Amino acid sequence: MDEPLTSFHQYSFATLRQYGACFELTETYCRWLAEEGEVGLSPSIQAFGAIADTAKRLQFQLARAMARGRDLRLDSIDRMGEQWAFGGNSLGELYT
């Protein structure tokens, strides 16, 4: 919280933005597979999309918290972990 705004941008890009982009790409790939005829991917698509959306929201929440000098609730990180486990397990059930 004591760092300059440039530190926030570097941190945010290296963590939340990359994490969200990774799962947005995963969601896109799963959607493509579904369009190509793979079945049963909807739960994983939804889970990975939720991770991407949550990472984006968390990035903006972090920016606001830093600007206001307030603490940031991190329970959304737990929810992303739950979505990751659910999405991965759903894929595992399809392909094992």
PDB file of N, CA and C in Angstrom:
ATOM      1  N   MET A   1       0.817  -1.206   0.000  1.00  0.00           N
ATOM      2  CA  MET A   1       0.000   0.000   0.000  1.00  0.00           C
ATOM      3  C   MET A   1       0.853   1.259   0.000  1.00  0.00           C
ATOM      4  N   ASP A   2       2.095   1.146   0.431  1.00  0.00           N
ATOM      5  CA  ASP A   2       2.968   2.311   0.488  1.00  0.00           C
ATOM      6  C   ASP A   2       3.745   2.529  -0.805  1.00  0.00           C
ATOM      7  N   GLU A   3       3.600   1.632  -1.746  1.00  0.00           N
ATOM      8  CA  GLU A   3       4.333   1.722  -3.008  1.00  0.00           C
ATOM      9  C   GLU A   3       3.665   2.723  -3.951  1.00  0.00           C
ATOM     10  N   PRO A   4       4.431   3.251  -4.915  1.00  0.00           N
ATOM     11  CA  PRO A   4       3.838   4.170  -5.901  1.00  0.00           C
ATOM     12  C   PRO A   4       2.917   3.422  -6.866  1.00  0.00           C
ATOM     13  N   LEU A   5       2.135   4.181  -7.608  1.00  0.00           N
ATOM     14  CA  LEU A   5       1.178   3.610  -8.537  1.00  0.00           C
ATOM     15  C   LEU A   5       1.847   2.718  -9.582  1.00  0.00           C
ATOM     16  N   THR A   6       3.071   3.040  -9.981  1.00  0.00           N
ATOM     17  CA  THR A   6       3.765   2.204 -10.963  1.00  0.00           C
ATOM     18  C   THR A   6       3.991   0.797 -10.423  1.00  0.00           C
ATOM     19  N   SER A   7       4.229   0.674  -9.137  1.00  0.00           N
ATOM     20  CA  SER A   7       4.391  -0.656  -8.538  1.00  0.00           C
ATOM     21  C   SER A   7       3.095  -1.439  -8.617  1.00  0.00           C
ATOM     22  N   PHE A   8       1.984  -0.752  -8.403  1.00  0.00           N
ATOM     23  CA  PHE A   8       0.688  -1.420  -8.523  1.00  0.00           C
ATOM     24  C   PHE A   8       0.502  -1.979  -9.925  1.00  0.00           C
ATOM     25  N   HIS A   9       0.793  -1.177 -10.942  1.00  0.00           N
ATOM     26  CA  HIS A   9       0.589  -1.625 -12.313  1.00  0.00           C
ATOM     27  C   HIS A   9       1.465  -2.836 -12.636  1.00  0.00           C
ATOM     28  N   GLN A  10       2.710  -2.821 -12.187  1.00  0.00           N
ATOM     29  CA  GLN A  10       3.596  -3.958 -12.423  1.00  0.00           C
ATOM     30  C   GLN A  10       3.086  -5.203 -11.701  1.00  0.00           C
ATOM     31  N   TYR A  11       2.688  -5.044 -10.459  1.00  0.00           N
ATOM     32  CA  TYR A  11       2.178  -6.165  -9.668  1.00  0.00           C
ATOM     33  C   TYR A  11       0.892  -6.701 -10.280  1.00  0.00           C
ATOM     34  N   SER A  12       0.001  -5.808 -10.610  1.00  0.00           N
ATOM     35  CA  SER A  12      -1.291  -6.195 -11.161  1.00  0.00           C
ATOM     36  C   SER A  12      -1.128  -6.946 -12.475  1.00  0.00           C
ATOM     37  N   PHE A  13      -0.243  -6.459 -13.330  1.00  0.00           N
ATOM     38  CA  PHE A  13      -0.041  -7.118 -14.616  1.00  0.00           C
ATOM     39  C   PHE A  13       0.585  -8.487 -14.432  1.00  0.00           C
ATOM     40  N   ALA A  14       1.538  -8.592 -13.534  1.00  0.00           N
ATOM     41  CA  ALA A  14       2.253  -9.852 -13.335  1.00  0.00           C
ATOM     42  C   ALA A  14       1.423 -10.894 -12.606  1.00  0.00           C
ATOM     43  N   THR A  15       0.339 -10.493 -11.980  1.00  0.00           N
ATOM     44  CA  THR A  15      -0.450 -11.455 -11.207  1.00  0.00           C
ATOM     45  C   THR A  15      -1.870 -11.546 -11.752  1.00  0.00           C
ATOM     46  N   LEU A  16      -2.703 -10.648 -11.356  1.00  0.00           N
ATOM     47  CA  LEU A  16      -4.127 -10.755 -11.655  1.00  0.00           C
ATOM     48  C   LEU A  16      -4.430 -10.720 -13.155  1.00  0.00           C
ATOM     49  N   ARG A  17      -3.783  -9.845 -13.880  1.00  0.00           N
ATOM     50  CA  ARG A  17      -4.080  -9.738 -15.312  1.00  0.00           C
ATOM     51  C   ARG A  17      -3.643 -10.993 -16.049  1.00  0.00           C
ATOM     52  N   GLN A  18      -2.460 -11.505 -15.730  1.00  0.00           N
ATOM     53  CA  GLN A  18      -1.981 -12.720 -16.390  1.00  0.00           C
ATOM     54  C   GLN A  18      -2.811 -13.936 -15.988  1.00  0.00           C
ATOM     55  N   TYR A  19      -3.169 -14.016 -14.729  1.00  0.00           N
ATOM     56  CA  TYR A  19      -3.991 -15.113 -14.228  1.00  0.00           C
ATOM     57  C   TYR A  19      -5.354 -15.118 -14.918  1.00  0.00           C
ATOM     58  N   GLY A  20      -5.993 -13.954 -14.966  1.00  0.00           N
ATOM     59  CA  GLY A  20      -7.284 -13.854 -15.637  1.00  0.00           C
ATOM     60  C   GLY A  20      -7.187 -14.168 -17.114  1.00  0.00           C
ATOM     61  N   ALA A  21      -6.135 -13.693 -17.768  1.00  0.00           N
ATOM     62  CA  ALA A  21      -5.957 -13.953 -19.196  1.00  0.00           C
ATOM     63  C   ALA A  21      -5.755 -15.442 -19.454  1.00  0.00           C
ATOM     64  N   CYS A  22      -5.045 -16.105 -18.585  1.00  0.00           N
ATOM     65  CA  CYS A  22      -4.813 -17.544 -18.717  1.00  0.00           C
ATOM     66  C   CYS A  22      -6.139 -18.296 -18.716  1.00  0.00           C
ATOM     67  N   PHE A  23      -7.008 -17.959 -17.775  1.00  0.00           N
ATOM     68  CA  PHE A  23      -8.272 -18.675 -17.691  1.00  0.00           C
ATOM     69  C   PHE A  23      -9.274 -18.226 -18.745  1.00  0.00           C
ATOM     70  N   GLU A  24      -9.143 -17.011 -19.231  1.00  0.00           N
ATOM     71  CA  GLU A  24      -9.978 -16.588 -20.356  1.00  0.00           C
ATOM     72  C   GLU A  24      -9.588 -17.387 -21.599  1.00  0.00           C
ATOM     73  N   LEU A  25      -8.298 -17.607 -21.784  1.00  0.00           N
ATOM     74  CA  LEU A  25      -7.830 -18.418 -22.898  1.00  0.00           C
ATOM     75  C   LEU A  25      -8.290 -19.873 -22.742  1.00  0.00           C
ATOM     76  N   THR A  26      -8.239 -20.392 -21.531  1.00  0.00           N
ATOM     77  CA  THR A  26      -8.707 -21.753 -21.266  1.00  0.00           C
ATOM     78  C   THR A  26     -10.195 -21.876 -21.579  1.00  0.00           C
ATOM     79  N   GLU A  27     -10.972 -20.894 -21.146  1.00  0.00           N
ATOM     80  CA  GLU A  27     -12.400 -20.881 -21.450  1.00  0.00           C
ATOM     81  C   GLU A  27     -12.634 -20.855 -22.959  1.00  0.00           C
ATOM     82  N   THR A  28     -11.897 -20.016 -23.665  1.00  0.00           N
ATOM     83  CA  THR A  28     -12.045 -19.905 -25.119  1.00  0.00           C
ATOM     84  C   THR A  28     -11.713 -21.218 -25.810  1.00  0.00           C
ATOM     85  N   TYR A  29     -10.651 -21.863 -25.366  1.00  0.00           N
ATOM     86  CA  TYR A  29     -10.262 -23.141 -25.964  1.00  0.00           C
ATOM     87  C   TYR A  29     -11.327 -24.205 -25.712  1.00  0.00           C
ATOM     88  N   CYS A  30     -11.854 -24.262 -24.497  1.00  0.00           N
ATOM     89  CA  CYS A  30     -12.911 -25.227 -24.189  1.00  0.00           C
ATOM     90  C   CYS A  30     -14.168 -24.947 -25.013  1.00  0.00           C
ATOM     91  N   ARG A  31     -14.482 -23.671 -25.216  1.00  0.00           N
ATOM     92  CA  ARG A  31     -15.628 -23.318 -26.073  1.00  0.00           C
ATOM     93  C   ARG A  31     -15.392 -23.805 -27.506  1.00  0.00           C
ATOM     94  N   TRP A  32     -14.187 -23.626 -27.989  1.00  0.00           N
ATOM     95  CA  TRP A  32     -13.855 -24.087 -29.336  1.00  0.00           C
ATOM     96  C   TRP A  32     -14.005 -25.598 -29.427  1.00  0.00           C
ATOM     97  N   LEU A  33     -13.501 -26.311 -28.424  1.00  0.00           N
ATOM     98  CA  LEU A  33     -13.651 -27.764 -28.422  1.00  0.00           C
ATOM     99  C   LEU A  33     -15.127 -28.166 -28.445  1.00  0.00           C
ATOM    100  N   ALA A  34     -15.945 -27.461 -27.674  1.00  0.00           N
ATOM    101  CA  ALA A  34     -17.386 -27.744 -27.652  1.00  0.00           C
ATOM    102  C   ALA A  34     -18.008 -27.491 -29.024  1.00  0.00           C
ATOM    103  N   GLU A  35     -17.603 -26.418 -29.677  1.00  0.00           N
ATOM    104  CA  GLU A  35     -18.120 -26.122 -31.020  1.00  0.00           C
ATOM    105  C   GLU A  35     -17.694 -27.178 -32.029  1.00  0.00           C
ATOM    106  N   GLU A  36     -16.569 -27.831 -31.755  1.00  0.00           N
ATOM    107  CA  GLU A  36     -16.060 -28.880 -32.641  1.00  0.00           C
ATOM    108  C   GLU A  36     -16.626 -30.259 -32.298  1.00  0.00           C
ATOM    109  N   GLY A  37     -17.556 -30.300 -31.344  1.00  0.00           N
ATOM    110  CA  GLY A  37     -18.255 -31.540 -31.071  1.00  0.00           C
ATOM    111  C   GLY A  37     -17.949 -32.222 -29.750  1.00  0.00           C
ATOM    112  N   GLU A  38     -16.987 -31.709 -28.991  1.00  0.00           N
ATOM    113  CA  GLU A  38     -16.720 -32.299 -27.672  1.00  0.00           C
ATOM    114  C   GLU A  38     -17.907 -32.007 -26.763  1.00  0.00           C
ATOM    115  N   VAL A  39     -18.295 -32.985 -26.000  1.00  0.00           N
ATOM    116  CA  VAL A  39     -19.469 -32.830 -25.132  1.00  0.00           C
ATOM    117  C   VAL A  39     -19.046 -32.775 -23.665  1.00  0.00           C
ATOM    118  N   GLY A  40     -19.901 -32.190 -22.852  1.00  0.00           N
ATOM    119  CA  GLY A  40     -19.697 -32.167 -21.410  1.00  0.00           C
ATOM    120  C   GLY A  40     -18.765 -31.091 -20.895  1.00  0.00           C
ATOM    121  N   LEU A  41     -18.448 -30.116 -21.721  1.00  0.00           N
ATOM    122  CA  LEU A  41     -17.488 -29.082 -21.320  1.00  0.00           C
ATOM    123  C   LEU A  41     -18.128 -27.878 -20.636  1.00  0.00           C
ATOM    124  N   SER A  42     -19.432 -27.784 -20.648  1.00  0.00           N
ATOM    125  CA  SER A  42     -20.100 -26.597 -20.100  1.00  0.00           C
ATOM    126  C   SER A  42     -19.710 -26.267 -18.663  1.00  0.00           C
ATOM    127  N   PRO A  43     -19.639 -27.262 -17.747  1.00  0.00           N
ATOM    128  CA  PRO A  43     -19.243 -26.904 -16.377  1.00  0.00           C
ATOM    129  C   PRO A  43     -17.846 -26.285 -16.306  1.00  0.00           C
ATOM    130  N   SER A  44     -16.919 -26.823 -17.070  1.00  0.00           N
ATOM    131  CA  SER A  44     -15.558 -26.274 -17.067  1.00  0.00           C
ATOM    132  C   SER A  44     -15.516 -24.902 -17.718  1.00  0.00           C
ATOM    133  N   ILE A  45     -16.259 -24.726 -18.798  1.00  0.00           N
ATOM    134  CA  ILE A  45     -16.311 -23.429 -19.468  1.00  0.00           C
ATOM    135  C   ILE A  45     -16.812 -22.364 -18.497  1.00  0.00           C
ATOM    136  N   GLN A  46     -17.871 -22.680 -17.789  1.00  0.00           N
ATOM    137  CA  GLN A  46     -18.425 -21.721 -16.830  1.00  0.00           C
ATOM    138  C   GLN A  46     -17.455 -21.438 -15.694  1.00  0.00           C
ATOM    139  N   ALA A  47     -16.802 -22.481 -15.186  1.00  0.00           N
ATOM    140  CA  ALA A  47     -15.864 -22.294 -14.079  1.00  0.00           C
ATOM    141  C   ALA A  47     -14.671 -21.440 -14.497  1.00  0.00           C
ATOM    142  N   PHE A  48     -14.091 -21.740 -15.655  1.00  0.00           N
ATOM    143  CA  PHE A  48     -12.922 -20.987 -16.102  1.00  0.00           C
ATOM    144  C   PHE A  48     -13.292 -19.548 -16.468  1.00  0.00           C
ATOM    145  N   GLY A  49     -14.492 -19.351 -17.003  1.00  0.00           N
ATOM    146  CA  GLY A  49     -14.964 -17.990 -17.269  1.00  0.00           C
ATOM    147  C   GLY A  49     -15.161 -17.206 -15.995  1.00  0.00           C
ATOM    148  N   ALA A  50     -15.657 -17.880 -14.957  1.00  0.00           N
ATOM    149  CA  ALA A  50     -15.844 -17.210 -13.659  1.00  0.00           C
ATOM    150  C   ALA A  50     -14.508 -16.785 -13.070  1.00  0.00           C
ATOM    151  N   ILE A  51     -13.486 -17.615 -13.241  1.00  0.00           N
ATOM    152  CA  ILE A  51     -12.156 -17.243 -12.748  1.00  0.00           C
ATOM    153  C   ILE A  51     -11.661 -15.997 -13.469  1.00  0.00           C
ATOM    154  N   ALA A  52     -11.783 -15.972 -14.789  1.00  0.00           N
ATOM    155  CA  ALA A  52     -11.322 -14.818 -15.573  1.00  0.00           C
ATOM    156  C   ALA A  52     -12.057 -13.548 -15.154  1.00  0.00           C
ATOM    157  N   ASP A  53     -13.365 -13.644 -14.999  1.00  0.00           N
ATOM    158  CA  ASP A  53     -14.150 -12.469 -14.600  1.00  0.00           C
ATOM    159  C   ASP A  53     -13.789 -12.000 -13.196  1.00  0.00           C
ATOM    160  N   THR A  54     -13.609 -12.939 -12.291  1.00  0.00           N
ATOM    161  CA  THR A  54     -13.268 -12.580 -10.912  1.00  0.00           C
ATOM    162  C   THR A  54     -11.894 -11.932 -10.842  1.00  0.00           C
ATOM    163  N   ALA A  55     -10.941 -12.434 -11.607  1.00  0.00           N
ATOM    164  CA  ALA A  55      -9.604 -11.833 -11.626  1.00  0.00           C
ATOM    165  C   ALA A  55      -9.662 -10.388 -12.118  1.00  0.00           C
ATOM    166  N   LYS A  56     -10.479 -10.140 -13.135  1.00  0.00           N
ATOM    167  CA  LYS A  56     -10.632  -8.765 -13.634  1.00  0.00           C
ATOM    168  C   LYS A  56     -11.230  -7.859 -12.562  1.00  0.00           C
ATOM    169  N   ARG A  57     -12.292  -8.339 -11.925  1.00  0.00           N
ATOM    170  CA  ARG A  57     -12.925  -7.540 -10.871  1.00  0.00           C
ATOM    171  C   ARG A  57     -11.961  -7.295  -9.720  1.00  0.00           C
ATOM    172  N   LEU A  58     -11.205  -8.314  -9.351  1.00  0.00           N
ATOM    173  CA  LEU A  58     -10.277  -8.176  -8.244  1.00  0.00           C
ATOM    174  C   LEU A  58      -9.192  -7.152  -8.558  1.00  0.00           C
ATOM    175  N   GLN A  59      -8.776  -7.104  -9.800  1.00  0.00           N
ATOM    176  CA  GLN A  59      -7.779  -6.111 -10.206  1.00  0.00           C
ATOM    177  C   GLN A  59      -8.306  -4.692  -9.986  1.00  0.00           C
ATOM    178  N   PHE A  60      -9.545  -4.440 -10.356  1.00  0.00           N
ATOM    179  CA  PHE A  60     -10.134  -3.111 -10.148  1.00  0.00           C
ATOM    180  C   PHE A  60     -10.372  -2.839  -8.663  1.00  0.00           C
ATOM    181  N   GLN A  61     -10.775  -3.860  -7.921  1.00  0.00           N
ATOM    182  CA  GLN A  61     -10.972  -3.693  -6.482  1.00  0.00           C
ATOM    183  C   GLN A  61      -9.656  -3.365  -5.792  1.00  0.00           C
ATOM    184  N   LEU A  62      -8.586  -4.007  -6.233  1.00  0.00           N
ATOM    185  CA  LEU A  62      -7.263  -3.722  -5.676  1.00  0.00           C
ATOM    186  C   LEU A  62      -6.855  -2.278  -5.969  1.00  0.00           C
ATOM    187  N   ALA A  63      -7.112  -1.814  -7.178  1.00  0.00           N
ATOM    188  CA  ALA A  63      -6.773  -0.431  -7.542  1.00  0.00           C
ATOM    189  C   ALA A  63      -7.538   0.551  -6.658  1.00  0.00           C
ATOM    190  N   ARG A  64      -8.833   0.289  -6.453  1.00  0.00           N
ATOM    191  CA  ARG A  64      -9.627   1.183  -5.599  1.00  0.00           C
ATOM    192  C   ARG A  64      -9.139   1.133  -4.155  1.00  0.00           C
ATOM    193  N   ALA A  65      -8.827  -0.047  -3.669  1.00  0.00           N
ATOM    194  CA  ALA A  65      -8.351  -0.168  -2.292  1.00  0.00           C
ATOM    195  C   ALA A  65      -7.044   0.589  -2.100  1.00  0.00           C
ATOM    196  N   MET A  66      -6.151   0.495  -3.077  1.00  0.00           N
ATOM    197  CA  MET A  66      -4.881   1.223  -2.970  1.00  0.00           C
ATOM    198  C   MET A  66      -5.123   2.728  -3.015  1.00  0.00           C
ATOM    199  N   ALA A  67      -5.997   3.167  -3.904  1.00  0.00           N
ATOM    200  CA  ALA A  67      -6.264   4.603  -4.037  1.00  0.00           C
ATOM    201  C   ALA A  67      -6.874   5.177  -2.761  1.00  0.00           C
ATOM    202  N   ARG A  68      -7.658   4.362  -2.065  1.00  0.00           N
ATOM    203  CA  ARG A  68      -8.331   4.820  -0.851  1.00  0.00           C
ATOM    204  C   ARG A  68      -7.572   4.466   0.425  1.00  0.00           C
ATOM    205  N   GLY A  69      -6.483   3.701   0.270  1.00  0.00           N
ATOM    206  CA  GLY A  69      -5.703   3.310   1.435  1.00  0.00           C
ATOM    207  C   GLY A  69      -6.432   2.332   2.348  1.00  0.00           C
ATOM    208  N   ARG A  70      -7.254   1.493   1.756  1.00  0.00           N
ATOM    209  CA  ARG A  70      -8.058   0.544   2.533  1.00  0.00           C
ATOM    210  C   ARG A  70      -7.612  -0.881   2.259  1.00  0.00           C
ATOM    211  N   ASP A  71      -7.973  -1.759   3.178  1.00  0.00           N
ATOM    212  CA  ASP A  71      -7.698  -3.172   2.993  1.00  0.00           C
ATOM    213  C   ASP A  71      -8.611  -3.753   1.926  1.00  0.00           C
ATOM    214  N   LEU A  72      -8.161  -4.836   1.340  1.00  0.00           N
ATOM    215  CA  LEU A  72      -8.916  -5.505   0.290  1.00  0.00           C
ATOM    216  C   LEU A  72      -9.350  -6.874   0.800  1.00  0.00           C
ATOM    217  N   ARG A  73     -10.624  -7.172   0.638  1.00  0.00           N
ATOM    218  CA  ARG A  73     -11.115  -8.505   0.994  1.00  0.00           C
ATOM    219  C   ARG A  73     -10.593  -9.494  -0.042  1.00  0.00           C
ATOM    220  N   LEU A  74     -10.092 -10.617   0.434  1.00  0.00           N
ATOM    221  CA  LEU A  74      -9.476 -11.583  -0.462  1.00  0.00           C
ATOM    222  C   LEU A  74     -10.267 -12.884  -0.584  1.00  0.00           C
ATOM    223  N   ASP A  75     -11.522 -12.885  -0.135  1.00  0.00           N
ATOM    224  CA  ASP A  75     -12.317 -14.110  -0.220  1.00  0.00           C
ATOM    225  C   ASP A  75     -12.580 -14.524  -1.671  1.00  0.00           C
ATOM    226  N   SER A  76     -12.474 -13.597  -2.606  1.00  0.00           N
ATOM    227  CA  SER A  76     -12.665 -13.954  -4.013  1.00  0.00           C
ATOM    228  C   SER A  76     -11.540 -14.868  -4.506  1.00  0.00           C
ATOM    229  N   ILE A  77     -10.375 -14.806  -3.878  1.00  0.00           N
ATOM    230  CA  ILE A  77      -9.287 -15.712  -4.244  1.00  0.00           C
ATOM    231  C   ILE A  77      -9.673 -17.147  -3.887  1.00  0.00           C
ATOM    232  N   ASP A  78     -10.316 -17.320  -2.743  1.00  0.00           N
ATOM    233  CA  ASP A  78     -10.800 -18.653  -2.375  1.00  0.00           C
ATOM    234  C   ASP A  78     -11.824 -19.160  -3.381  1.00  0.00           C
ATOM    235  N   ARG A  79     -12.719 -18.284  -3.816  1.00  0.00           N
ATOM    236  CA  ARG A  79     -13.730 -18.685  -4.808  1.00  0.00           C
ATOM    237  C   ARG A  79     -13.071 -19.064  -6.135  1.00  0.00           C
ATOM    238  N   MET A  80     -12.030 -18.338  -6.531  1.00  0.00           N
ATOM    239  CA  MET A  80     -11.323 -18.706  -7.763  1.00  0.00           C
ATOM    240  C   MET A  80     -10.678 -20.076  -7.611  1.00  0.00           C
ATOM    241  N   GLY A  81     -10.145 -20.355  -6.438  1.00  0.00           N
ATOM    242  CA  GLY A  81      -9.563 -21.674  -6.194  1.00  0.00           C
ATOM    243  C   GLY A  81     -10.607 -22.773  -6.275  1.00  0.00           C
ATOM    244  N   GLU A  82     -11.780 -22.508  -5.744  1.00  0.00           N
ATOM    245  CA  GLU A  82     -12.871 -23.482  -5.822  1.00  0.00           C
ATOM    246  C   GLU A  82     -13.292 -23.707  -7.275  1.00  0.00           C
ATOM    247  N   GLN A  83     -13.375 -22.636  -8.047  1.00  0.00           N
ATOM    248  CA  GLN A  83     -13.734 -22.759  -9.465  1.00  0.00           C
ATOM    249  C   GLN A  83     -12.660 -23.519 -10.239  1.00  0.00           C
ATOM    250  N   TRP A  84     -11.405 -23.269  -9.911  1.00  0.00           N
ATOM    251  CA  TRP A  84     -10.304 -23.977 -10.560  1.00  0.00           C
ATOM    252  C   TRP A  84     -10.408 -25.471 -10.295  1.00  0.00           C
ATOM    253  N   ALA A  85     -10.644 -25.839  -9.038  1.00  0.00           N
ATOM    254  CA  ALA A  85     -10.770 -27.252  -8.680  1.00  0.00           C
ATOM    255  C   ALA A  85     -11.971 -27.881  -9.383  1.00  0.00           C
ATOM    256  N   PHE A  86     -13.097 -27.171  -9.394  1.00  0.00           N
ATOM    257  CA  PHE A  86     -14.298 -27.689 -10.043  1.00  0.00           C
ATOM    258  C   PHE A  86     -14.079 -27.866 -11.544  1.00  0.00           C
ATOM    259  N   GLY A  87     -13.537 -26.833 -12.195  1.00  0.00           N
ATOM    260  CA  GLY A  87     -13.306 -26.908 -13.645  1.00  0.00           C
ATOM    261  C   GLY A  87     -12.334 -28.005 -14.014  1.00  0.00           C
ATOM    262  N   GLY A  88     -11.257 -28.117 -13.247  1.00  0.00           N
ATOM    263  CA  GLY A  88     -10.270 -29.162 -13.516  1.00  0.00           C
ATOM    264  C   GLY A  88     -10.828 -30.557 -13.265  1.00  0.00           C
ATOM    265  N   ASN A  89     -11.574 -30.703 -12.184  1.00  0.00           N
ATOM    266  CA  ASN A  89     -12.180 -32.000 -11.888  1.00  0.00           C
ATOM    267  C   ASN A  89     -13.204 -32.387 -12.955  1.00  0.00           C
ATOM    268  N   SER A  90     -13.952 -31.406 -13.436  1.00  0.00           N
ATOM    269  CA  SER A  90     -14.925 -31.680 -14.500  1.00  0.00           C
ATOM    270  C   SER A  90     -14.238 -32.182 -15.757  1.00  0.00           C
ATOM    271  N   LEU A  91     -13.116 -31.562 -16.112  1.00  0.00           N
ATOM    272  CA  LEU A  91     -12.357 -32.040 -17.265  1.00  0.00           C
ATOM    273  C   LEU A  91     -11.793 -33.423 -17.017  1.00  0.00           C
ATOM    274  N   GLY A  92     -11.283 -33.640 -15.797  1.00  0.00           N
ATOM    275  CA  GLY A  92     -10.715 -34.935 -15.458  1.00  0.00           C
ATOM    276  C   GLY A  92     -11.721 -36.062 -15.569  1.00  0.00           C
ATOM    277  N   GLU A  93     -12.955 -35.790 -15.201  1.00  0.00           N
ATOM    278  CA  GLU A  93     -14.003 -36.802 -15.306  1.00  0.00           C
ATOM    279  C   GLU A  93     -14.303 -37.151 -16.754  1.00  0.00           C
ATOM    280  N   LEU A  94     -14.131 -36.194 -17.647  1.00  0.00           N
ATOM    281  CA  LEU A  94     -14.404 -36.441 -19.057  1.00  0.00           C
ATOM    282  C   LEU A  94     -13.296 -37.234 -19.737  1.00  0.00           C
ATOM    283  N   TYR A  95     -12.071 -37.021 -19.334  1.00  0.00           N
ATOM    284  CA  TYR A  95     -10.938 -37.529 -20.095  1.00  0.00           C
ATOM    285  C   TYR A  95     -10.057 -38.504 -19.328  1.00  0.00           C
ATOM    286  N   THR A  96     -10.610 -39.162 -18.314  1.00  0.00           N
ATOM    287  CA  THR A  96      -9.821 -40.203 -17.634  1.00  0.00           C
ATOM    288  C   THR A  96     -10.498 -41.538 -17.764  1.00  0.00           C
TER     289      THR A  96
END
